[in-house]
Protein backbone atom coordinates (compact mmCIF):
# COMPACT_ATOMS: atom_id res chain seq x y z
CA UNK A 1 -0.18 0.20 0.06
CA UNK A 2 1.20 3.65 -0.84
CA UNK A 3 1.45 6.28 1.60
CA UNK A 4 0.45 8.49 -0.58
CA UNK A 5 -3.45 8.43 -0.31
CA UNK A 6 -4.24 11.76 -2.66
CA UNK A 7 -2.58 13.13 -5.66
CA UNK A 8 -3.22 16.41 -7.97
CA UNK A 9 -2.08 17.16 -11.48
CA UNK A 10 -2.25 20.44 -13.52
CA UNK A 11 -0.79 21.44 -16.45
CA UNK A 12 0.60 25.04 -16.52
CA UNK A 13 2.02 27.50 -19.18
CA UNK A 14 1.80 26.78 -22.74
CA UNK A 15 -0.36 23.55 -24.21
CA UNK A 16 1.22 21.06 -25.66
CA UNK A 17 0.04 17.88 -27.92
CA UNK A 18 0.22 14.71 -25.14
CA UNK A 19 -0.66 16.60 -22.03
CA UNK A 20 -3.73 14.72 -22.09
CA UNK A 21 -1.90 11.33 -22.43
CA UNK A 22 0.11 12.21 -19.61
CA UNK A 23 -3.34 13.55 -17.54
CA UNK A 24 -4.86 10.13 -18.42
CA UNK A 25 -1.49 8.03 -17.18
CA UNK A 26 -1.29 9.56 -14.01
CA UNK A 27 -5.20 9.47 -12.81
CA UNK A 28 -5.63 5.74 -14.00
CA UNK A 29 -2.10 4.77 -12.67
CA UNK A 30 -2.88 6.55 -9.23
CA UNK A 31 -6.46 5.09 -9.25
CA UNK A 32 -5.05 1.56 -10.05
CA UNK A 33 -2.86 1.86 -7.06
CA UNK A 34 -5.78 2.89 -4.98
CA UNK A 35 -4.81 6.57 -4.73
CA UNK A 36 -7.27 9.61 -5.15
CA UNK A 37 -6.32 11.77 -8.21
CA UNK A 38 -7.37 15.41 -7.95
CA UNK A 39 -7.55 17.29 -11.51
CA UNK A 40 -6.32 20.77 -11.14
CA UNK A 41 -8.39 23.38 -13.48
CA UNK A 42 -6.34 26.32 -14.88
CA UNK A 43 -2.90 25.82 -13.59
CA UNK A 44 -1.65 27.44 -10.88
CA UNK A 45 -3.71 30.04 -10.92
CA UNK A 46 -6.82 27.54 -10.55
CA UNK A 47 -4.93 25.78 -7.85
CA UNK A 48 -4.52 29.15 -5.56
CA UNK A 49 -8.42 29.53 -6.13
CA UNK A 50 -8.96 25.86 -5.59
CA UNK A 51 -10.03 24.53 -8.86
CA UNK A 52 -9.77 21.22 -7.99
CA UNK A 53 -12.05 18.16 -8.67
CA UNK A 54 -11.77 14.56 -8.04
CA UNK A 55 -10.89 12.62 -11.29
CA UNK A 56 -12.56 9.00 -12.21
CA UNK A 57 -11.50 6.34 -14.80
CA UNK A 58 -14.21 8.17 -17.04
CA UNK A 59 -12.72 11.57 -16.52
CA UNK A 60 -9.97 10.61 -18.78
CA UNK A 61 -11.58 8.50 -21.22
CA UNK A 62 -11.14 9.44 -25.04
CA UNK A 63 -8.81 12.26 -23.99
CA UNK A 64 -5.17 10.74 -25.79
CA UNK A 65 -6.07 11.91 -29.29
CA UNK A 66 -6.90 15.36 -28.21
CA UNK A 67 -4.48 18.33 -28.64
CA UNK A 68 -4.45 20.71 -25.88
CA UNK A 69 -5.12 19.98 -22.13
CA UNK A 70 -8.27 18.94 -20.63
CA UNK A 71 -7.56 20.40 -17.19
CA UNK A 72 -6.93 24.16 -19.41
CA UNK A 73 -3.83 26.22 -18.40
CA UNK A 74 -3.25 29.78 -17.32
CA UNK A 75 -0.09 31.76 -16.68
CA UNK A 76 -0.39 32.95 -12.79
CA UNK A 77 1.54 36.20 -11.51
CA UNK A 78 0.30 35.50 -8.03
CA UNK A 79 2.36 32.30 -8.12
CA UNK A 80 5.48 34.19 -8.29
CA UNK A 81 4.84 35.86 -4.98
CA UNK A 82 5.48 34.09 -1.56
CA UNK A 83 1.49 34.76 -0.53
CA UNK A 84 0.85 32.72 -3.94
CA UNK A 85 3.17 30.06 -3.15
CA UNK A 86 1.52 29.62 0.32
CA UNK A 87 -2.12 29.80 -0.98
CA UNK A 88 -1.46 27.08 -3.51
CA UNK A 89 0.26 25.09 -0.83
CA UNK A 90 -2.67 25.55 1.59
CA UNK A 91 -5.65 24.71 -0.96
CA UNK A 92 -3.65 21.18 -1.28
CA UNK A 93 -3.53 20.56 2.60
CA UNK A 94 -6.94 21.60 3.11
CA UNK A 95 -7.99 18.57 0.69
CA UNK A 96 -5.10 16.32 2.26
CA UNK A 97 -3.52 16.27 -1.19
CA UNK A 98 0.04 14.97 -0.29
CA UNK A 99 1.66 15.45 -3.66
CA UNK A 100 1.23 17.13 -7.00
CA UNK A 101 2.50 16.51 -10.63
CA UNK A 102 2.85 19.11 -12.64
CA UNK A 103 2.84 19.35 -16.41
CA UNK A 104 4.57 22.07 -18.14
CA UNK A 105 7.83 24.03 -18.73
CA UNK A 106 10.65 25.32 -16.75
CA UNK A 107 8.41 27.91 -15.03
CA UNK A 108 5.92 25.52 -14.13
CA UNK A 109 8.85 23.76 -12.68
CA UNK A 110 9.92 26.67 -10.52
CA UNK A 111 6.55 26.94 -9.39
CA UNK A 112 6.64 23.16 -8.36
CA UNK A 113 10.04 23.60 -6.59
CA UNK A 114 8.47 26.49 -4.43
CA UNK A 115 5.66 24.09 -3.15
CA UNK A 116 8.19 21.51 -2.65
CA UNK A 117 9.71 23.63 -0.10
CA UNK A 118 6.28 24.10 1.53
CA UNK A 119 5.87 20.51 2.64
CA UNK A 120 4.05 19.58 -0.93
CA UNK A 121 5.73 16.53 -2.56
CA UNK A 122 6.10 17.32 -6.17
CA UNK A 123 6.98 15.77 -9.66
CA UNK A 124 7.45 17.53 -12.89
CA UNK A 125 6.75 16.05 -16.32
CA UNK A 126 8.46 18.47 -19.09
CA UNK A 127 5.43 19.33 -21.03
CA UNK A 128 6.15 22.22 -23.88
CA UNK A 129 6.85 22.06 -27.74
CA UNK A 130 9.73 24.41 -27.51
CA UNK A 131 11.77 21.53 -26.18
CA UNK A 132 14.04 23.89 -23.94
CA UNK A 133 14.14 21.94 -20.78
CA UNK A 134 17.48 20.90 -19.29
CA UNK A 135 17.81 17.56 -18.51
CA UNK A 136 15.75 15.88 -20.87
CA UNK A 137 16.18 15.00 -24.30
CA UNK A 138 12.56 15.11 -25.37
CA UNK A 139 9.70 17.25 -24.19
CA UNK A 140 5.89 16.13 -24.66
CA UNK A 141 4.65 17.91 -27.85
CA UNK A 142 8.08 18.77 -29.41
CA UNK A 143 7.38 15.86 -31.95
CA UNK A 144 4.25 17.08 -32.96
CA UNK A 145 5.10 20.78 -33.15
CA UNK A 146 8.08 19.70 -35.62
CA UNK A 147 5.42 17.54 -37.59
CA UNK A 148 3.17 20.43 -37.76
CA UNK A 149 6.04 22.46 -39.07
CA UNK A 150 7.09 19.90 -41.37
CA UNK A 151 3.22 19.83 -42.91
CA UNK A 152 2.73 23.28 -43.16
CA UNK A 153 5.97 23.82 -45.00
CA UNK A 154 5.74 21.41 -47.49
CA UNK A 155 2.53 23.51 -48.56
CA UNK A 156 4.17 26.39 -48.82
CA UNK A 157 6.86 24.96 -51.12
CA UNK A 158 4.03 24.22 -53.43
CA UNK A 159 3.33 27.96 -53.49
CA UNK A 160 6.97 28.60 -53.40
CA UNK A 161 7.37 26.89 -56.52
CA UNK A 162 4.69 28.32 -58.47
CA UNK A 163 5.75 31.84 -57.72
CA UNK A 164 9.22 31.15 -57.74
CA UNK A 165 9.86 33.03 -54.65
CA UNK A 166 11.66 32.38 -51.12
CA UNK A 167 9.75 32.08 -48.15
CA UNK A 168 10.69 32.55 -44.56
CA UNK A 169 9.06 31.00 -42.47
CA UNK A 170 9.03 31.76 -38.48
CA UNK A 171 8.68 28.57 -36.21
CA UNK A 172 8.15 28.39 -32.47
CA UNK A 173 10.80 27.71 -29.67
CA UNK A 174 11.72 31.20 -27.68
CA UNK A 175 15.15 30.75 -27.36
CA UNK A 176 15.71 27.04 -28.29
CA UNK A 177 16.44 26.59 -32.15
CA UNK A 178 15.40 23.13 -31.62
CA UNK A 179 11.97 22.92 -33.98
CA UNK A 180 13.52 25.04 -36.53
CA UNK A 181 16.72 22.99 -36.74
CA UNK A 182 14.78 19.78 -36.97
CA UNK A 183 11.86 21.03 -39.20
CA UNK A 184 14.15 22.74 -41.49
CA UNK A 185 16.76 19.72 -41.85
CA UNK A 186 13.19 17.29 -42.30
CA UNK A 187 12.13 19.82 -45.28
CA UNK A 188 15.39 20.77 -46.91
CA UNK A 189 15.23 23.84 -45.83
CA UNK A 190 18.01 26.24 -47.72
CA UNK A 191 19.05 27.92 -44.84
CA UNK A 192 17.76 27.49 -41.03
CA UNK A 193 18.29 30.46 -38.76
CA UNK A 194 18.30 30.01 -34.78
CA UNK A 195 19.48 31.59 -31.68
CA UNK A 196 22.17 29.28 -30.64
CA UNK A 197 24.08 29.89 -33.98
CA UNK A 198 25.19 33.79 -35.05
CA UNK A 199 24.09 33.93 -38.93
CA UNK A 200 25.37 35.83 -41.78
CA UNK A 201 22.88 37.49 -44.44
CA UNK A 202 25.10 37.82 -46.65
CA UNK A 203 26.08 34.22 -46.54
CA UNK A 204 22.40 33.56 -46.95
CA UNK A 205 22.04 35.38 -49.69
CA UNK A 206 25.19 33.69 -51.34
CA UNK A 207 23.35 30.32 -50.72
CA UNK A 208 20.37 31.90 -52.33
CA UNK A 209 21.90 33.19 -55.14
CA UNK A 210 23.77 29.88 -55.87
CA UNK A 211 20.86 28.26 -56.11
CA UNK A 212 19.24 30.48 -58.60
CA UNK A 213 22.30 30.12 -60.87
CA UNK A 214 22.02 26.57 -61.16
CA UNK A 215 18.36 26.82 -62.02
CA UNK A 216 16.36 26.57 -58.75
CA UNK A 217 14.13 29.09 -58.63
CA UNK A 218 12.60 28.82 -55.10
CA UNK A 219 13.54 28.59 -51.48
CA UNK A 220 12.48 27.81 -48.17
CA UNK A 221 14.54 29.53 -45.05
CA UNK A 222 13.18 28.46 -41.63
CA UNK A 223 13.81 31.31 -38.94
CA UNK A 224 13.27 30.30 -35.05
CA UNK A 225 11.84 33.16 -33.48
CA UNK A 226 14.41 33.79 -31.07
CA UNK A 227 16.96 34.20 -33.85
CA UNK A 228 15.86 37.93 -34.58
CA UNK A 229 12.89 39.96 -36.01
CA UNK A 230 11.64 38.22 -39.20
CA UNK A 231 10.67 41.27 -40.95
CA UNK A 232 13.99 42.84 -39.95
CA UNK A 233 15.67 39.61 -41.68
CA UNK A 234 13.06 39.55 -44.48
CA UNK A 235 14.00 43.10 -45.48
CA UNK A 236 17.87 43.13 -45.18
CA UNK A 237 17.84 39.84 -46.77
CA UNK A 238 16.13 41.32 -50.18
CA UNK A 239 18.16 43.93 -49.83
CA UNK A 240 21.61 42.02 -49.92
CA UNK A 241 20.16 39.54 -52.34
CA UNK A 242 17.98 41.43 -54.47
CA UNK A 243 15.72 38.47 -54.40
CA UNK A 244 12.29 38.93 -53.58
CA UNK A 245 10.73 37.03 -50.35
CA UNK A 246 7.80 36.70 -48.37
CA UNK A 247 6.98 35.76 -44.68
CA UNK A 248 4.79 33.20 -43.03
CA UNK A 249 4.37 32.93 -39.52
CA UNK A 250 3.02 30.03 -38.69
CA UNK A 251 2.26 31.05 -35.02
CA UNK A 252 0.01 29.07 -32.39
CA UNK A 253 -0.98 26.55 -34.96
CA UNK A 254 2.31 24.51 -33.91
CA UNK A 255 0.73 23.83 -30.18
CA UNK A 256 -2.61 22.53 -31.85
CA UNK A 257 -3.64 19.08 -33.34
CA UNK A 258 -3.71 15.58 -31.80
CA UNK A 259 -0.25 14.43 -30.63
CA UNK A 260 1.89 12.24 -32.86
CA UNK A 261 2.43 8.78 -31.27
CA UNK A 262 5.50 9.66 -30.20
CA UNK A 263 4.02 12.45 -27.79
CA UNK A 264 1.41 10.13 -26.74
CA UNK A 265 3.65 7.37 -25.55
CA UNK A 266 6.00 10.10 -24.19
CA UNK A 267 2.56 11.18 -21.85
CA UNK A 268 1.48 8.06 -21.22
CA UNK A 269 5.06 6.69 -19.99
CA UNK A 270 6.08 9.97 -18.15
CA UNK A 271 2.70 10.40 -16.23
CA UNK A 272 2.98 6.53 -15.15
CA UNK A 273 6.34 7.03 -14.10
CA UNK A 274 5.49 9.85 -12.12
CA UNK A 275 3.07 8.23 -9.98
CA UNK A 276 5.50 5.73 -9.42
CA UNK A 277 7.96 7.92 -7.80
CA UNK A 278 5.61 9.27 -5.87
CA UNK A 279 4.56 5.93 -4.60
CA UNK A 280 8.45 5.02 -3.63
CA UNK A 281 8.27 8.37 -1.36
CA UNK A 282 10.17 10.54 -3.59
CA UNK A 283 10.11 14.31 -4.08
CA UNK A 284 11.39 17.13 -5.96
CA UNK A 285 12.05 15.13 -9.36
CA UNK A 286 11.75 15.71 -12.95
CA UNK A 287 10.70 12.84 -15.39
CA UNK A 288 12.74 12.70 -18.13
CA UNK A 289 13.13 11.05 -21.41
CA UNK A 290 17.25 10.51 -21.35
CA UNK A 291 19.47 8.25 -23.47
CA UNK A 292 16.31 6.73 -24.76
CA UNK A 293 14.81 5.86 -21.49
CA UNK A 294 12.08 7.43 -19.32
CA UNK A 295 13.87 8.14 -15.91
CA UNK A 296 13.61 10.16 -13.01
CA UNK A 297 16.15 12.90 -12.24
CA UNK A 298 16.60 15.56 -9.66
CA UNK A 299 14.34 18.71 -10.25
CA UNK A 300 17.26 21.18 -9.69
CA UNK A 301 18.88 19.86 -13.17
CA UNK A 302 15.95 21.72 -14.99
CA UNK A 303 17.56 24.99 -13.44
CA UNK A 304 21.00 24.63 -14.61
CA UNK A 305 23.09 25.16 -17.46
CA UNK A 306 21.90 24.50 -21.05
CA UNK A 307 22.31 20.90 -22.54
CA UNK A 308 25.04 21.67 -25.31
CA UNK A 309 23.37 22.52 -28.92
CA UNK A 310 23.46 19.41 -31.36
CA UNK A 311 26.35 21.37 -33.66
CA UNK A 312 26.63 18.14 -35.33
CA UNK A 313 22.90 18.25 -37.00
CA UNK A 314 23.29 21.61 -37.52
CA UNK A 315 26.61 21.35 -39.68
CA UNK A 316 24.79 18.68 -41.68
CA UNK A 317 21.49 20.59 -42.38
CA UNK A 318 24.09 23.43 -43.74
CA UNK A 319 26.04 20.86 -45.86
CA UNK A 320 23.14 19.25 -47.44
CA UNK A 321 22.08 22.55 -48.32
CA UNK A 322 24.96 23.63 -50.31
């Protein structure tokens, strides 16, 4: 029998495909082990207001194929304050909930860490399309976002070919270029501009012109949102190359849609693992996909130095786009 009798689960920050799979796993794994599981609605903001209800088996039926999060999500400024953190912890204590599973990004992890200091057992699951959480090779939602970009750009390439134009496509990722790099390599982008590597528009221009000289009349350039203002990049590139271009910003479409098989699997295995570590009496841990395994790691790792950028993959993308 587990010493843990009640746990809660919430999603925080930006939504990501696969979150529902993680929620389902936490709820059903908990119920399987005779643990009462409470769903917290609207993230930390909802936790502070006490918006939580006990989840049943049917509460999570037929949700794994749905994007977004059935628990909804919101950003909470109050959770950054000591008074907000104490309110959140008290809401859990009032219902005798001993543990909280937090699905979200690094900001969500910091909220979990603050609750741990107030006596709540916490486990963090990496739920963000940006793939920017330290200590895990993949985050829930990242694979789906990459596939969404690939699908969208494949359609844009038809228009780029028909009109013989260069398209600059902005993708999400904040200050992490993983979505741009992996989607750009997958679709054969002529250039990939990311925040981790300084870029020279003269070099980008020369690559475009080389293509045109050999008869290539269209190009796709993937631009990570953290690499700079895409409208400025577009204007300067047009000035340097003399070639017309068009800008497409994919925006929040990258967060939506049914999760890929990989993200559904990540959500399920990470959610199940979260309940396991709580049953074992552990706290202040994160669940990571690391070296092809779903494992537990100290939550503090998430606040350390960023993992090394995949320079080899970036170099390969450049070599293939000569």
